[in-house]
Amino acid sequence: MSTRAKWQVLTPLSMLSFVVGLCVFSEAAFRRIQGAPTTQWVLWGVYGLVFTVGGLLLFGQAQRFRSQLDYRRFVRRELKKRDRGRGRDTQANRTKQKSSPGRSED
């Protein structure tokens, strides 16, 4: 799987996991307020935290893939600029060698 595909899959998946975690965590708080048994709302809270932290971790990984893509794009552009610059230098040197001012072509 390419880096771009990993980034495109992980970003929405991580956001979805984060939002689900927040919803589950709020459900745990609601159950606590209603007076549900302690084990019930604690387990809901733990599940909510797991989803929330998991979503954040996945989002961090997705951002890592995105920065790899951006860095690769930057390097490719810089290499193209460098190659274009070298191409101009070699063409300028060739024209200077062909018509030097000290020689006459008679």
Protein backbone atom coordinates (compact mmCIF):
# COMPACT_ATOMS: atom_id res chain seq x y z
CA MET A 1 0.00 0.00 0.00
CA SER A 2 1.40 3.39 -0.94
CA THR A 3 2.06 6.15 1.55
CA ARG A 4 -0.68 8.27 0.00
CA ALA A 5 -3.22 5.45 0.33
CA LYS A 6 -2.24 4.91 3.98
CA TRP A 7 -2.70 8.60 4.65
CA GLN A 8 -6.08 8.67 2.90
CA VAL A 9 -7.34 5.67 4.86
CA LEU A 10 -5.94 6.58 8.28
CA THR A 11 -7.10 10.19 8.40
CA PRO A 12 -10.88 9.60 8.30
CA LEU A 13 -10.56 6.39 10.31
CA SER A 14 -8.70 8.22 13.06
CA MET A 15 -11.21 11.04 13.17
CA LEU A 16 -14.08 8.57 13.32
CA SER A 17 -12.42 6.69 16.17
CA PHE A 18 -11.81 9.93 18.05
CA VAL A 19 -15.43 11.05 17.72
CA VAL A 20 -16.76 7.62 18.71
CA GLY A 21 -14.49 7.69 21.75
CA LEU A 22 -15.86 11.06 22.82
CA CYS A 23 -19.44 9.83 22.39
CA VAL A 24 -18.80 6.67 24.42
CA PHE A 25 -17.04 8.70 27.11
CA SER A 26 -19.99 11.11 27.35
CA GLU A 27 -22.31 8.10 27.61
CA ALA A 28 -20.24 6.88 30.57
CA ALA A 29 -20.64 10.27 32.25
CA PHE A 30 -24.38 10.19 31.60
CA ARG A 31 -24.69 6.71 33.13
CA ARG A 32 -22.74 7.83 36.18
CA ILE A 33 -25.08 10.77 36.70
CA GLN A 34 -28.10 8.46 36.35
CA GLY A 35 -26.72 6.23 39.11
CA ALA A 36 -25.78 3.14 37.11
CA PRO A 37 -23.56 0.54 38.81
CA THR A 38 -19.94 1.59 39.10
CA THR A 39 -18.55 -1.22 36.97
CA GLN A 40 -20.90 -0.30 34.13
CA TRP A 41 -19.97 3.38 33.80
CA VAL A 42 -16.29 2.71 34.50
CA LEU A 43 -16.13 0.20 31.64
CA TRP A 44 -17.91 2.64 29.33
CA GLY A 45 -15.40 5.31 30.34
CA VAL A 46 -12.46 3.01 29.69
CA TYR A 47 -13.81 2.08 26.26
CA GLY A 48 -14.31 5.77 25.51
CA LEU A 49 -10.76 6.59 26.51
CA VAL A 50 -9.39 3.71 24.46
CA PHE A 51 -11.21 4.89 21.34
CA THR A 52 -10.24 8.52 21.93
CA VAL A 53 -6.55 7.84 22.49
CA GLY A 54 -6.51 5.30 19.66
CA GLY A 55 -7.99 7.91 17.33
CA LEU A 56 -5.35 10.42 18.35
CA LEU A 57 -2.58 7.88 17.79
CA LEU A 58 -3.93 6.97 14.36
CA PHE A 59 -4.21 10.64 13.48
CA GLY A 60 -0.57 11.15 14.48
CA GLN A 61 0.45 8.28 12.24
CA ALA A 62 -1.61 9.74 9.38
CA GLN A 63 0.14 13.08 9.83
CA ARG A 64 3.48 11.29 9.72
CA PHE A 65 2.56 9.80 6.35
CA ARG A 66 1.43 13.22 5.13
CA SER A 67 4.70 14.86 6.13
CA GLN A 68 6.58 12.09 4.29
CA LEU A 69 4.57 12.91 1.17
CA ASP A 70 5.27 16.63 1.54
CA TYR A 71 8.98 16.06 2.08
CA ARG A 72 9.23 13.81 -0.96
CA ARG A 73 7.46 16.43 -3.08
CA PHE A 74 9.85 19.11 -1.80
CA VAL A 75 12.91 16.98 -2.59
CA ARG A 76 11.65 16.20 -6.09
CA ARG A 77 11.08 19.89 -6.81
CA GLU A 78 14.51 20.84 -5.52
CA LEU A 79 16.15 18.15 -7.62
CA LYS A 80 14.30 19.38 -10.71
CA LYS A 81 15.44 22.95 -10.02
CA ARG A 82 19.01 21.76 -9.58
CA ASP A 83 18.91 19.75 -12.81
CA ARG A 84 17.48 22.71 -14.73
CA GLY A 85 20.23 24.93 -13.37
CA ARG A 86 22.91 22.46 -14.42
CA GLY A 87 21.40 22.19 -17.88
CA ARG A 88 21.68 25.97 -18.36
CA ASP A 89 25.26 26.03 -17.11
CA THR A 90 26.39 23.34 -19.52
CA GLN A 91 24.67 25.06 -22.46
CA ALA A 92 26.29 28.40 -21.57
CA ASN A 93 29.73 26.73 -21.36
CA ARG A 94 29.27 25.13 -24.78
CA THR A 95 28.42 28.43 -26.46
CA LYS A 96 31.38 30.12 -24.80
CA GLN A 97 33.74 27.42 -26.05
CA LYS A 98 32.47 27.66 -29.62
CA SER A 99 32.88 31.40 -29.98
CA SER A 100 35.80 32.60 -27.92
CA PRO A 101 36.76 36.27 -28.48
CA GLY A 102 40.51 35.58 -28.97
CA ARG A 103 40.10 33.40 -32.06
CA SER A 104 39.03 34.45 -35.46
CA GLU A 105 37.17 32.06 -37.68
CA ASP A 106 38.57 33.28 -41.03
